[in-house]
Amino acid sequence: GSLPLEIGQEVDRDERGNIVQVSKFAVGGMLKLEMIDVSNNMIGEIPHTMSRLTNLKDFTFDNNKIEMLPDGMSRWKLLTSFSPHQNSIMKLSHEICSMDCLTYLNIGKNKIGELPQSIGK
């Protein structure tokens, strides 16, 4: 599949067509978005503007090159499923602990050394 033209112009792709970067402006008009799956690309960074997607319920970005989660994740109050599986994330933000609706979290195959102390409380 392909992205709509206005979104497609705001992503950078490698020679094989994988998304390597999403512009911080790409999410500007998608504030009602509830599900995102950008798995199996080469994305290295999640734009901080993603935190504005307060209706987000399912966010999957497995098998990318993400090293750091964005600030402002605590705004995803409706998020039930979060899967950054198989990236290069080294630290899990304490903000994950304020996601009261979260029922599925897949952080396997990352470089996370320890979990926030408040997780599960």
PDB file of N, CA and C in Angstrom:
ATOM      1  N   GLY A   1       0.810  -1.179   0.000  1.00  0.00           N
ATOM      2  CA  GLY A   1       0.000   0.000   0.000  1.00  0.00           C
ATOM      3  C   GLY A   1       0.855   1.244   0.000  1.00  0.00           C
ATOM      4  N   SER A   2       0.235   2.346  -0.198  1.00  0.00           N
ATOM      5  CA  SER A   2       0.966   3.600  -0.195  1.00  0.00           C
ATOM      6  C   SER A   2       0.250   4.606   0.693  1.00  0.00           C
ATOM      7  N   LEU A   3       1.002   5.620   1.079  1.00  0.00           N
ATOM      8  CA  LEU A   3       0.448   6.675   1.909  1.00  0.00           C
ATOM      9  C   LEU A   3      -0.284   7.680   1.039  1.00  0.00           C
ATOM     10  N   PRO A   4      -1.309   8.339   1.566  1.00  0.00           N
ATOM     11  CA  PRO A   4      -1.945   9.411   0.800  1.00  0.00           C
ATOM     12  C   PRO A   4      -0.896  10.449   0.397  1.00  0.00           C
ATOM     13  N   LEU A   5      -1.088  11.117  -0.716  1.00  0.00           N
ATOM     14  CA  LEU A   5      -0.104  12.037  -1.267  1.00  0.00           C
ATOM     15  C   LEU A   5       0.400  13.042  -0.250  1.00  0.00           C
ATOM     16  N   GLU A   6      -0.514  13.674   0.493  1.00  0.00           N
ATOM     17  CA  GLU A   6      -0.075  14.700   1.431  1.00  0.00           C
ATOM     18  C   GLU A   6       0.799  14.134   2.535  1.00  0.00           C
ATOM     19  N   ILE A   7       0.598  12.875   2.931  1.00  0.00           N
ATOM     20  CA  ILE A   7       1.449  12.240   3.932  1.00  0.00           C
ATOM     21  C   ILE A   7       2.707  11.710   3.254  1.00  0.00           C
ATOM     22  N   GLY A   8       2.551  11.133   2.084  1.00  0.00           N
ATOM     23  CA  GLY A   8       3.677  10.573   1.361  1.00  0.00           C
ATOM     24  C   GLY A   8       4.765  11.583   1.068  1.00  0.00           C
ATOM     25  N   GLN A   9       4.409  12.843   0.934  1.00  0.00           N
ATOM     26  CA  GLN A   9       5.392  13.885   0.691  1.00  0.00           C
ATOM     27  C   GLN A   9       6.163  14.239   1.953  1.00  0.00           C
ATOM     28  N   GLU A  10       5.704  13.784   3.085  1.00  0.00           N
ATOM     29  CA  GLU A  10       6.336  14.145   4.342  1.00  0.00           C
ATOM     30  C   GLU A  10       7.060  12.973   4.992  1.00  0.00           C
ATOM     31  N   VAL A  11       7.400  11.959   4.203  1.00  0.00           N
ATOM     32  CA  VAL A  11       8.218  10.855   4.679  1.00  0.00           C
ATOM     33  C   VAL A  11       9.406  10.703   3.736  1.00  0.00           C
ATOM     34  N   ASP A  12      10.527  10.307   4.302  1.00  0.00           N
ATOM     35  CA  ASP A  12      11.702  10.010   3.491  1.00  0.00           C
ATOM     36  C   ASP A  12      11.823   8.500   3.380  1.00  0.00           C
ATOM     37  N   ARG A  13      12.176   8.029   2.189  1.00  0.00           N
ATOM     38  CA  ARG A  13      12.288   6.593   1.947  1.00  0.00           C
ATOM     39  C   ARG A  13      13.696   6.246   1.472  1.00  0.00           C
ATOM     40  N   ASP A  14      14.105   5.003   1.746  1.00  0.00           N
ATOM     41  CA  ASP A  14      15.385   4.533   1.221  1.00  0.00           C
ATOM     42  C   ASP A  14      15.182   3.947  -0.169  1.00  0.00           C
ATOM     43  N   GLU A  15      16.247   3.409  -0.747  1.00  0.00           N
ATOM     44  CA  GLU A  15      16.173   2.899  -2.126  1.00  0.00           C
ATOM     45  C   GLU A  15      15.217   1.719  -2.289  1.00  0.00           C
ATOM     46  N   ARG A  16      14.889   1.015  -1.200  1.00  0.00           N
ATOM     47  CA  ARG A  16      13.947  -0.113  -1.281  1.00  0.00           C
ATOM     48  C   ARG A  16      12.517   0.303  -0.970  1.00  0.00           C
ATOM     49  N   GLY A  17      12.309   1.586  -0.691  1.00  0.00           N
ATOM     50  CA  GLY A  17      10.966   2.071  -0.409  1.00  0.00           C
ATOM     51  C   GLY A  17      10.596   2.075   1.059  1.00  0.00           C
ATOM     52  N   ASN A  18      11.513   1.656   1.947  1.00  0.00           N
ATOM     53  CA  ASN A  18      11.230   1.682   3.373  1.00  0.00           C
ATOM     54  C   ASN A  18      11.202   3.113   3.879  1.00  0.00           C
ATOM     55  N   ILE A  19      10.298   3.396   4.792  1.00  0.00           N
ATOM     56  CA  ILE A  19      10.247   4.714   5.421  1.00  0.00           C
ATOM     57  C   ILE A  19      11.428   4.817   6.373  1.00  0.00           C
ATOM     58  N   VAL A  20      12.212   5.884   6.245  1.00  0.00           N
ATOM     59  CA  VAL A  20      13.343   6.088   7.139  1.00  0.00           C
ATOM     60  C   VAL A  20      13.124   7.266   8.081  1.00  0.00           C
ATOM     61  N   GLN A  21      12.226   8.172   7.718  1.00  0.00           N
ATOM     62  CA  GLN A  21      11.937   9.307   8.577  1.00  0.00           C
ATOM     63  C   GLN A  21      10.546   9.840   8.264  1.00  0.00           C
ATOM     64  N   VAL A  22       9.827  10.201   9.325  1.00  0.00           N
ATOM     65  CA  VAL A  22       8.510  10.804   9.180  1.00  0.00           C
ATOM     66  C   VAL A  22       8.625  12.244   9.641  1.00  0.00           C
ATOM     67  N   SER A  23       8.187  13.167   8.810  1.00  0.00           N
ATOM     68  CA  SER A  23       8.256  14.589   9.148  1.00  0.00           C
ATOM     69  C   SER A  23       7.398  14.891  10.362  1.00  0.00           C
ATOM     70  N   LYS A  24       7.859  15.831  11.173  1.00  0.00           N
ATOM     71  CA  LYS A  24       7.059  16.236  12.338  1.00  0.00           C
ATOM     72  C   LYS A  24       5.747  16.873  11.919  1.00  0.00           C
ATOM     73  N   PHE A  25       5.652  17.297  10.663  1.00  0.00           N
ATOM     74  CA  PHE A  25       4.428  17.917  10.168  1.00  0.00           C
ATOM     75  C   PHE A  25       3.421  16.887   9.655  1.00  0.00           C
ATOM     76  N   ALA A  26       3.855  15.655   9.466  1.00  0.00           N
ATOM     77  CA  ALA A  26       2.988  14.628   8.878  1.00  0.00           C
ATOM     78  C   ALA A  26       1.781  14.324   9.749  1.00  0.00           C
ATOM     79  N   VAL A  27       1.885  14.522  11.050  1.00  0.00           N
ATOM     80  CA  VAL A  27       0.781  14.192  11.948  1.00  0.00           C
ATOM     81  C   VAL A  27      -0.141  15.373  12.209  1.00  0.00           C
ATOM     82  N   GLY A  28       0.193  16.542  11.678  1.00  0.00           N
ATOM     83  CA  GLY A  28      -0.555  17.759  11.952  1.00  0.00           C
ATOM     84  C   GLY A  28      -2.045  17.660  11.717  1.00  0.00           C
ATOM     85  N   GLY A  29      -2.469  17.051  10.626  1.00  0.00           N
ATOM     86  CA  GLY A  29      -3.880  16.978  10.305  1.00  0.00           C
ATOM     87  C   GLY A  29      -4.524  15.650  10.659  1.00  0.00           C
ATOM     88  N   MET A  30      -3.842  14.832  11.430  1.00  0.00           N
ATOM     89  CA  MET A  30      -4.364  13.491  11.737  1.00  0.00           C
ATOM     90  C   MET A  30      -4.670  13.332  13.223  1.00  0.00           C
ATOM     91  N   LEU A  31      -5.172  14.355  13.854  1.00  0.00           N
ATOM     92  CA  LEU A  31      -5.356  14.343  15.296  1.00  0.00           C
ATOM     93  C   LEU A  31      -6.405  13.341  15.775  1.00  0.00           C
ATOM     94  N   LYS A  32      -7.273  12.857  14.898  1.00  0.00           N
ATOM     95  CA  LYS A  32      -8.289  11.878  15.292  1.00  0.00           C
ATOM     96  C   LYS A  32      -7.840  10.439  15.056  1.00  0.00           C
ATOM     97  N   LEU A  33      -6.616  10.282  14.583  1.00  0.00           N
ATOM     98  CA  LEU A  33      -6.070   8.954  14.292  1.00  0.00           C
ATOM     99  C   LEU A  33      -6.073   8.074  15.540  1.00  0.00           C
ATOM    100  N   GLU A  34      -6.541   6.827  15.414  1.00  0.00           N
ATOM    101  CA  GLU A  34      -6.613   5.911  16.545  1.00  0.00           C
ATOM    102  C   GLU A  34      -5.619   4.757  16.449  1.00  0.00           C
ATOM    103  N   MET A  35      -5.132   4.444  15.247  1.00  0.00           N
ATOM    104  CA  MET A  35      -4.221   3.316  15.089  1.00  0.00           C
ATOM    105  C   MET A  35      -3.130   3.658  14.088  1.00  0.00           C
ATOM    106  N   ILE A  36      -1.889   3.329  14.456  1.00  0.00           N
ATOM    107  CA  ILE A  36      -0.745   3.505  13.562  1.00  0.00           C
ATOM    108  C   ILE A  36       0.076   2.223  13.596  1.00  0.00           C
ATOM    109  N   ASP A  37       0.435   1.723  12.422  1.00  0.00           N
ATOM    110  CA  ASP A  37       1.353   0.591  12.316  1.00  0.00           C
ATOM    111  C   ASP A  37       2.361   0.920  11.225  1.00  0.00           C
ATOM    112  N   VAL A  38       3.568   1.237  11.630  1.00  0.00           N
ATOM    113  CA  VAL A  38       4.655   1.528  10.699  1.00  0.00           C
ATOM    114  C   VAL A  38       5.778   0.504  10.879  1.00  0.00           C
ATOM    115  N   SER A  39       5.403  -0.732  11.109  1.00  0.00           N
ATOM    116  CA  SER A  39       6.359  -1.806  11.314  1.00  0.00           C
ATOM    117  C   SER A  39       7.152  -2.098  10.045  1.00  0.00           C
ATOM    118  N   ASN A  40       8.317  -2.693  10.255  1.00  0.00           N
ATOM    119  CA  ASN A  40       9.169  -3.189   9.171  1.00  0.00           C
ATOM    120  C   ASN A  40       9.612  -2.104   8.203  1.00  0.00           C
ATOM    121  N   ASN A  41      10.067  -0.996   8.759  1.00  0.00           N
ATOM    122  CA  ASN A  41      10.648   0.076   7.964  1.00  0.00           C
ATOM    123  C   ASN A  41      12.046   0.337   8.507  1.00  0.00           C
ATOM    124  N   MET A  42      12.571   1.481   8.280  1.00  0.00           N
ATOM    125  CA  MET A  42      13.899   1.844   8.762  1.00  0.00           C
ATOM    126  C   MET A  42      13.815   3.162   9.535  1.00  0.00           C
ATOM    127  N   ILE A  43      12.683   3.398  10.190  1.00  0.00           N
ATOM    128  CA  ILE A  43      12.453   4.658  10.901  1.00  0.00           C
ATOM    129  C   ILE A  43      13.412   4.746  12.091  1.00  0.00           C
ATOM    130  N   GLY A  44      14.107   5.865  12.194  1.00  0.00           N
ATOM    131  CA  GLY A  44      15.078   6.053  13.262  1.00  0.00           C
ATOM    132  C   GLY A  44      14.602   6.954  14.387  1.00  0.00           C
ATOM    133  N   GLU A  45      13.507   7.656  14.174  1.00  0.00           N
ATOM    134  CA  GLU A  45      13.032   8.589  15.180  1.00  0.00           C
ATOM    135  C   GLU A  45      11.521   8.782  15.067  1.00  0.00           C
ATOM    136  N   ILE A  46      10.870   8.859  16.209  1.00  0.00           N
ATOM    137  CA  ILE A  46       9.447   9.172  16.246  1.00  0.00           C
ATOM    138  C   ILE A  46       9.343  10.671  16.510  1.00  0.00           C
ATOM    139  N   PRO A  47       8.700  11.437  15.629  1.00  0.00           N
ATOM    140  CA  PRO A  47       8.600  12.881  15.852  1.00  0.00           C
ATOM    141  C   PRO A  47       7.892  13.195  17.171  1.00  0.00           C
ATOM    142  N   HIS A  48       8.377  14.202  17.871  1.00  0.00           N
ATOM    143  CA  HIS A  48       7.759  14.583  19.146  1.00  0.00           C
ATOM    144  C   HIS A  48       6.317  15.025  18.962  1.00  0.00           C
ATOM    145  N   THR A  49       5.954  15.436  17.752  1.00  0.00           N
ATOM    146  CA  THR A  49       4.578  15.867  17.494  1.00  0.00           C
ATOM    147  C   THR A  49       3.587  14.709  17.588  1.00  0.00           C
ATOM    148  N   MET A  50       4.076  13.479  17.599  1.00  0.00           N
ATOM    149  CA  MET A  50       3.188  12.316  17.747  1.00  0.00           C
ATOM    150  C   MET A  50       2.431  12.377  19.068  1.00  0.00           C
ATOM    151  N   SER A  51       2.988  13.052  20.053  1.00  0.00           N
ATOM    152  CA  SER A  51       2.312  13.141  21.349  1.00  0.00           C
ATOM    153  C   SER A  51       0.992  13.895  21.242  1.00  0.00           C
ATOM    154  N   ARG A  52       0.791  14.640  20.155  1.00  0.00           N
ATOM    155  CA  ARG A  52      -0.480  15.355  19.950  1.00  0.00           C
ATOM    156  C   ARG A  52      -1.614  14.427  19.542  1.00  0.00           C
ATOM    157  N   LEU A  53      -1.308  13.185  19.212  1.00  0.00           N
ATOM    158  CA  LEU A  53      -2.342  12.232  18.780  1.00  0.00           C
ATOM    159  C   LEU A  53      -3.008  11.623  20.014  1.00  0.00           C
ATOM    160  N   THR A  54      -3.824  12.396  20.670  1.00  0.00           N
ATOM    161  CA  THR A  54      -4.408  11.986  21.949  1.00  0.00           C
ATOM    162  C   THR A  54      -5.533  10.958  21.811  1.00  0.00           C
ATOM    163  N   ASN A  55      -5.981  10.654  20.598  1.00  0.00           N
ATOM    164  CA  ASN A  55      -6.996   9.614  20.390  1.00  0.00           C
ATOM    165  C   ASN A  55      -6.371   8.265  20.070  1.00  0.00           C
ATOM    166  N   LEU A  56      -5.051   8.204  20.058  1.00  0.00           N
ATOM    167  CA  LEU A  56      -4.338   6.987  19.694  1.00  0.00           C
ATOM    168  C   LEU A  56      -4.647   5.845  20.656  1.00  0.00           C
ATOM    169  N   LYS A  57      -5.037   4.695  20.096  1.00  0.00           N
ATOM    170  CA  LYS A  57      -5.345   3.513  20.897  1.00  0.00           C
ATOM    171  C   LYS A  57      -4.366   2.373  20.632  1.00  0.00           C
ATOM    172  N   ASP A  58      -3.782   2.337  19.446  1.00  0.00           N
ATOM    173  CA  ASP A  58      -2.886   1.248  19.062  1.00  0.00           C
ATOM    174  C   ASP A  58      -1.726   1.841  18.278  1.00  0.00           C
ATOM    175  N   PHE A  59      -0.509   1.670  18.793  1.00  0.00           N
ATOM    176  CA  PHE A  59       0.683   2.200  18.134  1.00  0.00           C
ATOM    177  C   PHE A  59       1.701   1.080  18.023  1.00  0.00           C
ATOM    178  N   THR A  60       1.967   0.651  16.802  1.00  0.00           N
ATOM    179  CA  THR A  60       2.908  -0.434  16.535  1.00  0.00           C
ATOM    180  C   THR A  60       3.991   0.056  15.587  1.00  0.00           C
ATOM    181  N   PHE A  61       5.236  -0.077  16.004  1.00  0.00           N
ATOM    182  CA  PHE A  61       6.354   0.265  15.127  1.00  0.00           C
ATOM    183  C   PHE A  61       7.476  -0.746  15.302  1.00  0.00           C
ATOM    184  N   ASP A  62       7.105  -2.018  15.218  1.00  0.00           N
ATOM    185  CA  ASP A  62       8.052  -3.121  15.339  1.00  0.00           C
ATOM    186  C   ASP A  62       9.080  -3.088  14.207  1.00  0.00           C
ATOM    187  N   ASN A  63      10.261  -3.599  14.517  1.00  0.00           N
ATOM    188  CA  ASN A  63      11.310  -3.801  13.519  1.00  0.00           C
ATOM    189  C   ASN A  63      11.666  -2.526  12.753  1.00  0.00           C
ATOM    190  N   ASN A  64      12.115  -1.523  13.503  1.00  0.00           N
ATOM    191  CA  ASN A  64      12.609  -0.274  12.937  1.00  0.00           C
ATOM    192  C   ASN A  64      13.963   0.018  13.565  1.00  0.00           C
ATOM    193  N   LYS A  65      14.371   1.250  13.601  1.00  0.00           N
ATOM    194  CA  LYS A  65      15.679   1.645  14.138  1.00  0.00           C
ATOM    195  C   LYS A  65      15.542   2.696  15.238  1.00  0.00           C
ATOM    196  N   ILE A  66      14.399   2.707  15.916  1.00  0.00           N
ATOM    197  CA  ILE A  66      14.119   3.704  16.954  1.00  0.00           C
ATOM    198  C   ILE A  66      15.051   3.490  18.143  1.00  0.00           C
ATOM    199  N   GLU A  67      15.681   4.573  18.605  1.00  0.00           N
ATOM    200  CA  GLU A  67      16.565   4.500  19.763  1.00  0.00           C
ATOM    201  C   GLU A  67      15.946   5.132  21.003  1.00  0.00           C
ATOM    202  N   MET A  68      15.016   6.068  20.783  1.00  0.00           N
ATOM    203  CA  MET A  68      14.450   6.802  21.901  1.00  0.00           C
ATOM    204  C   MET A  68      12.956   7.036  21.669  1.00  0.00           C
ATOM    205  N   LEU A  69      12.176   6.878  22.726  1.00  0.00           N
ATOM    206  CA  LEU A  69      10.745   7.148  22.645  1.00  0.00           C
ATOM    207  C   LEU A  69      10.516   8.648  22.807  1.00  0.00           C
ATOM    208  N   PRO A  70       9.460   9.182  22.189  1.00  0.00           N
ATOM    209  CA  PRO A  70       9.241  10.630  22.248  1.00  0.00           C
ATOM    210  C   PRO A  70       8.754  11.100  23.613  1.00  0.00           C
ATOM    211  N   ASP A  71       9.085  12.350  23.948  1.00  0.00           N
ATOM    212  CA  ASP A  71       8.511  12.974  25.143  1.00  0.00           C
ATOM    213  C   ASP A  71       7.033  13.222  24.877  1.00  0.00           C
ATOM    214  N   GLY A  72       6.247  13.248  25.917  1.00  0.00           N
ATOM    215  CA  GLY A  72       4.828  13.538  25.772  1.00  0.00           C
ATOM    216  C   GLY A  72       3.951  12.318  25.604  1.00  0.00           C
ATOM    217  N   MET A  73       4.525  11.117  25.742  1.00  0.00           N
ATOM    218  CA  MET A  73       3.731   9.891  25.591  1.00  0.00           C
ATOM    219  C   MET A  73       2.606   9.803  26.619  1.00  0.00           C
ATOM    220  N   SER A  74       2.744  10.492  27.723  1.00  0.00           N
ATOM    221  CA  SER A  74       1.714  10.443  28.761  1.00  0.00           C
ATOM    222  C   SER A  74       0.397  11.043  28.272  1.00  0.00           C
ATOM    223  N   ARG A  75       0.421  11.753  27.157  1.00  0.00           N
ATOM    224  CA  ARG A  75      -0.801  12.318  26.574  1.00  0.00           C
ATOM    225  C   ARG A  75      -1.630  11.245  25.871  1.00  0.00           C
ATOM    226  N   TRP A  76      -1.057  10.061  25.651  1.00  0.00           N
ATOM    227  CA  TRP A  76      -1.785   8.971  24.987  1.00  0.00           C
ATOM    228  C   TRP A  76      -2.618   8.222  26.024  1.00  0.00           C
ATOM    229  N   LYS A  77      -3.562   8.902  26.616  1.00  0.00           N
ATOM    230  CA  LYS A  77      -4.378   8.347  27.703  1.00  0.00           C
ATOM    231  C   LYS A  77      -5.261   7.184  27.260  1.00  0.00           C
ATOM    232  N   LEU A  78      -5.604   7.098  25.963  1.00  0.00           N
ATOM    233  CA  LEU A  78      -6.491   6.049  25.459  1.00  0.00           C
ATOM    234  C   LEU A  78      -5.733   4.846  24.902  1.00  0.00           C
ATOM    235  N   LEU A  79      -4.399   4.907  24.890  1.00  0.00           N
ATOM    236  CA  LEU A  79      -3.591   3.845  24.291  1.00  0.00           C
ATOM    237  C   LEU A  79      -3.790   2.518  25.024  1.00  0.00           C
ATOM    238  N   THR A  80      -4.184   1.484  24.277  1.00  0.00           N
ATOM    239  CA  THR A  80      -4.364   0.153  24.863  1.00  0.00           C
ATOM    240  C   THR A  80      -3.268  -0.807  24.420  1.00  0.00           C
ATOM    241  N   SER A  81      -2.674  -0.565  23.249  1.00  0.00           N
ATOM    242  CA  SER A  81      -1.652  -1.461  22.713  1.00  0.00           C
ATOM    243  C   SER A  81      -0.467  -0.644  22.211  1.00  0.00           C
ATOM    244  N   PHE A  82       0.727  -0.985  22.720  1.00  0.00           N
ATOM    245  CA  PHE A  82       1.949  -0.256  22.367  1.00  0.00           C
ATOM    246  C   PHE A  82       3.043  -1.276  22.088  1.00  0.00           C
ATOM    247  N   SER A  83       3.545  -1.276  20.859  1.00  0.00           N
ATOM    248  CA  SER A  83       4.545  -2.273  20.494  1.00  0.00           C
ATOM    249  C   SER A  83       5.721  -1.662  19.736  1.00  0.00           C
ATOM    250  N   PRO A  84       6.798  -1.342  20.478  1.00  0.00           N
ATOM    251  CA  PRO A  84       8.042  -0.939  19.840  1.00  0.00           C
ATOM    252  C   PRO A  84       9.019  -2.113  19.766  1.00  0.00           C
ATOM    253  N   HIS A  85       8.518  -3.307  19.529  1.00  0.00           N
ATOM    254  CA  HIS A  85       9.317  -4.535  19.498  1.00  0.00           C
ATOM    255  C   HIS A  85      10.424  -4.449  18.448  1.00  0.00           C
ATOM    256  N   GLN A  86      11.565  -4.940  18.776  1.00  0.00           N
ATOM    257  CA  GLN A  86      12.706  -5.078  17.868  1.00  0.00           C
ATOM    258  C   GLN A  86      13.141  -3.744  17.264  1.00  0.00           C
ATOM    259  N   ASN A  87      13.573  -2.857  18.147  1.00  0.00           N
ATOM    260  CA  ASN A  87      14.172  -1.582  17.764  1.00  0.00           C
ATOM    261  C   ASN A  87      15.504  -1.495  18.497  1.00  0.00           C
ATOM    262  N   SER A  88      15.953  -0.302  18.803  1.00  0.00           N
ATOM    263  CA  SER A  88      17.208  -0.106  19.542  1.00  0.00           C
ATOM    264  C   SER A  88      16.982   0.786  20.758  1.00  0.00           C
ATOM    265  N   ILE A  89      15.800   0.702  21.336  1.00  0.00           N
ATOM    266  CA  ILE A  89      15.426   1.551  22.470  1.00  0.00           C
ATOM    267  C   ILE A  89      16.240   1.146  23.693  1.00  0.00           C
ATOM    268  N   MET A  90      16.865   2.138  24.341  1.00  0.00           N
ATOM    269  CA  MET A  90      17.711   1.862  25.505  1.00  0.00           C
ATOM    270  C   MET A  90      17.020   2.154  26.826  1.00  0.00           C
ATOM    271  N   LYS A  91      16.005   3.035  26.794  1.00  0.00           N
ATOM    272  CA  LYS A  91      15.347   3.433  28.031  1.00  0.00           C
ATOM    273  C   LYS A  91      13.849   3.521  27.807  1.00  0.00           C
ATOM    274  N   LEU A  92      13.094   2.973  28.738  1.00  0.00           N
ATOM    275  CA  LEU A  92      11.640   3.056  28.707  1.00  0.00           C
ATOM    276  C   LEU A  92      11.227   4.213  29.608  1.00  0.00           C
ATOM    277  N   SER A  93      10.587   5.203  29.031  1.00  0.00           N
ATOM    278  CA  SER A  93      10.204   6.402  29.763  1.00  0.00           C
ATOM    279  C   SER A  93       9.241   6.095  30.910  1.00  0.00           C
ATOM    280  N   HIS A  94       9.382   6.836  31.997  1.00  0.00           N
ATOM    281  CA  HIS A  94       8.445   6.706  33.117  1.00  0.00           C
ATOM    282  C   HIS A  94       7.028   7.088  32.695  1.00  0.00           C
ATOM    283  N   GLU A  95       6.902   7.813  31.576  1.00  0.00           N
ATOM    284  CA  GLU A  95       5.581   8.231  31.087  1.00  0.00           C
ATOM    285  C   GLU A  95       4.702   7.029  30.756  1.00  0.00           C
ATOM    286  N   ILE A  96       5.305   5.896  30.473  1.00  0.00           N
ATOM    287  CA  ILE A  96       4.550   4.688  30.128  1.00  0.00           C
ATOM    288  C   ILE A  96       3.660   4.284  31.315  1.00  0.00           C
ATOM    289  N   CYS A  97       4.081   4.648  32.509  1.00  0.00           N
ATOM    290  CA  CYS A  97       3.348   4.275  33.719  1.00  0.00           C
ATOM    291  C   CYS A  97       2.052   5.053  33.898  1.00  0.00           C
ATOM    292  N   SER A  98       1.880   6.156  33.167  1.00  0.00           N
ATOM    293  CA  SER A  98       0.655   6.941  33.302  1.00  0.00           C
ATOM    294  C   SER A  98      -0.390   6.560  32.257  1.00  0.00           C
ATOM    295  N   MET A  99      -0.113   5.533  31.480  1.00  0.00           N
ATOM    296  CA  MET A  99      -1.050   5.072  30.453  1.00  0.00           C
ATOM    297  C   MET A  99      -1.987   4.038  31.073  1.00  0.00           C
ATOM    298  N   ASP A 100      -3.032   4.528  31.701  1.00  0.00           N
ATOM    299  CA  ASP A 100      -3.939   3.674  32.478  1.00  0.00           C
ATOM    300  C   ASP A 100      -4.702   2.652  31.647  1.00  0.00           C
ATOM    301  N   CYS A 101      -4.917   2.914  30.360  1.00  0.00           N
ATOM    302  CA  CYS A 101      -5.676   1.995  29.506  1.00  0.00           C
ATOM    303  C   CYS A 101      -4.803   0.927  28.862  1.00  0.00           C
ATOM    304  N   LEU A 102      -3.476   1.047  29.008  1.00  0.00           N
ATOM    305  CA  LEU A 102      -2.550   0.139  28.336  1.00  0.00           C
ATOM    306  C   LEU A 102      -2.726  -1.297  28.828  1.00  0.00           C
ATOM    307  N   THR A 103      -3.058  -2.205  27.904  1.00  0.00           N
ATOM    308  CA  THR A 103      -3.215  -3.616  28.258  1.00  0.00           C
ATOM    309  C   THR A 103      -2.204  -4.503  27.537  1.00  0.00           C
ATOM    310  N   TYR A 104      -1.541  -3.971  26.506  1.00  0.00           N
ATOM    311  CA  TYR A 104      -0.558  -4.750  25.753  1.00  0.00           C
ATOM    312  C   TYR A 104       0.690  -3.902  25.527  1.00  0.00           C
ATOM    313  N   LEU A 105       1.838  -4.401  25.979  1.00  0.00           N
ATOM    314  CA  LEU A 105       3.116  -3.729  25.811  1.00  0.00           C
ATOM    315  C   LEU A 105       4.138  -4.766  25.372  1.00  0.00           C
ATOM    316  N   ASN A 106       4.727  -4.573  24.188  1.00  0.00           N
ATOM    317  CA  ASN A 106       5.735  -5.499  23.674  1.00  0.00           C
ATOM    318  C   ASN A 106       7.032  -4.734  23.459  1.00  0.00           C
ATOM    319  N   ILE A 107       7.968  -4.863  24.405  1.00  0.00           N
ATOM    320  CA  ILE A 107       9.234  -4.152  24.325  1.00  0.00           C
ATOM    321  C   ILE A 107      10.403  -5.107  24.099  1.00  0.00           C
ATOM    322  N   GLY A 108      10.107  -6.335  23.676  1.00  0.00           N
ATOM    323  CA  GLY A 108      11.153  -7.327  23.436  1.00  0.00           C
ATOM    324  C   GLY A 108      12.106  -6.921  22.330  1.00  0.00           C
ATOM    325  N   LYS A 109      13.285  -7.481  22.384  1.00  0.00           N
ATOM    326  CA  LYS A 109      14.340  -7.276  21.380  1.00  0.00           C
ATOM    327  C   LYS A 109      14.697  -5.800  21.215  1.00  0.00           C
ATOM    328  N   ASN A 110      14.926  -5.141  22.346  1.00  0.00           N
ATOM    329  CA  ASN A 110      15.435  -3.776  22.392  1.00  0.00           C
ATOM    330  C   ASN A 110      16.693  -3.799  23.257  1.00  0.00           C
ATOM    331  N   LYS A 111      17.179  -2.652  23.635  1.00  0.00           N
ATOM    332  CA  LYS A 111      18.392  -2.552  24.455  1.00  0.00           C
ATOM    333  C   LYS A 111      18.085  -1.946  25.815  1.00  0.00           C
ATOM    334  N   ILE A 112      16.878  -2.175  26.303  1.00  0.00           N
ATOM    335  CA  ILE A 112      16.421  -1.605  27.568  1.00  0.00           C
ATOM    336  C   ILE A 112      17.125  -2.318  28.717  1.00  0.00           C
ATOM    337  N   GLY A 113      17.820  -1.528  29.555  1.00  0.00           N
ATOM    338  CA  GLY A 113      18.568  -2.098  30.667  1.00  0.00           C
ATOM    339  C   GLY A 113      17.735  -2.292  31.918  1.00  0.00           C
ATOM    340  N   GLU A 114      16.789  -1.400  32.144  1.00  0.00           N
ATOM    341  CA  GLU A 114      15.928  -1.515  33.322  1.00  0.00           C
ATOM    342  C   GLU A 114      14.595  -0.838  33.055  1.00  0.00           C
ATOM    343  N   LEU A 115      13.598  -1.267  33.800  1.00  0.00           N
ATOM    344  CA  LEU A 115      12.253  -0.706  33.678  1.00  0.00           C
ATOM    345  C   LEU A 115      12.069   0.406  34.707  1.00  0.00           C
ATOM    346  N   PRO A 116      11.189   1.365  34.417  1.00  0.00           N
ATOM    347  CA  PRO A 116      10.899   2.406  35.425  1.00  0.00           C
ATOM    348  C   PRO A 116      10.367   1.757  36.704  1.00  0.00           C
ATOM    349  N   GLN A 117      10.759   2.308  37.847  1.00  0.00           N
ATOM    350  CA  GLN A 117      10.341   1.728  39.138  1.00  0.00           C
ATOM    351  C   GLN A 117       8.846   1.741  39.328  1.00  0.00           C
ATOM    352  N   SER A 118       8.170   2.717  38.739  1.00  0.00           N
ATOM    353  CA  SER A 118       6.730   2.844  38.952  1.00  0.00           C
ATOM    354  C   SER A 118       5.897   1.982  38.004  1.00  0.00           C
ATOM    355  N   ILE A 119       6.521   1.189  37.153  1.00  0.00           N
ATOM    356  CA  ILE A 119       5.755   0.370  36.209  1.00  0.00           C
ATOM    357  C   ILE A 119       4.971  -0.697  36.965  1.00  0.00           C
ATOM    358  N   GLY A 120       3.727  -0.865  36.587  1.00  0.00           N
ATOM    359  CA  GLY A 120       2.880  -1.884  37.211  1.00  0.00           C
ATOM    360  C   GLY A 120       2.205  -1.431  38.491  1.00  0.00           C
ATOM    361  N   LYS A 121       2.388  -0.195  38.873  1.00  0.00           N
ATOM    362  CA  LYS A 121       1.776   0.307  40.124  1.00  0.00           C
ATOM    363  C   LYS A 121       0.489   1.031  39.825  1.00  0.00           C
TER     364      LYS A 121
END
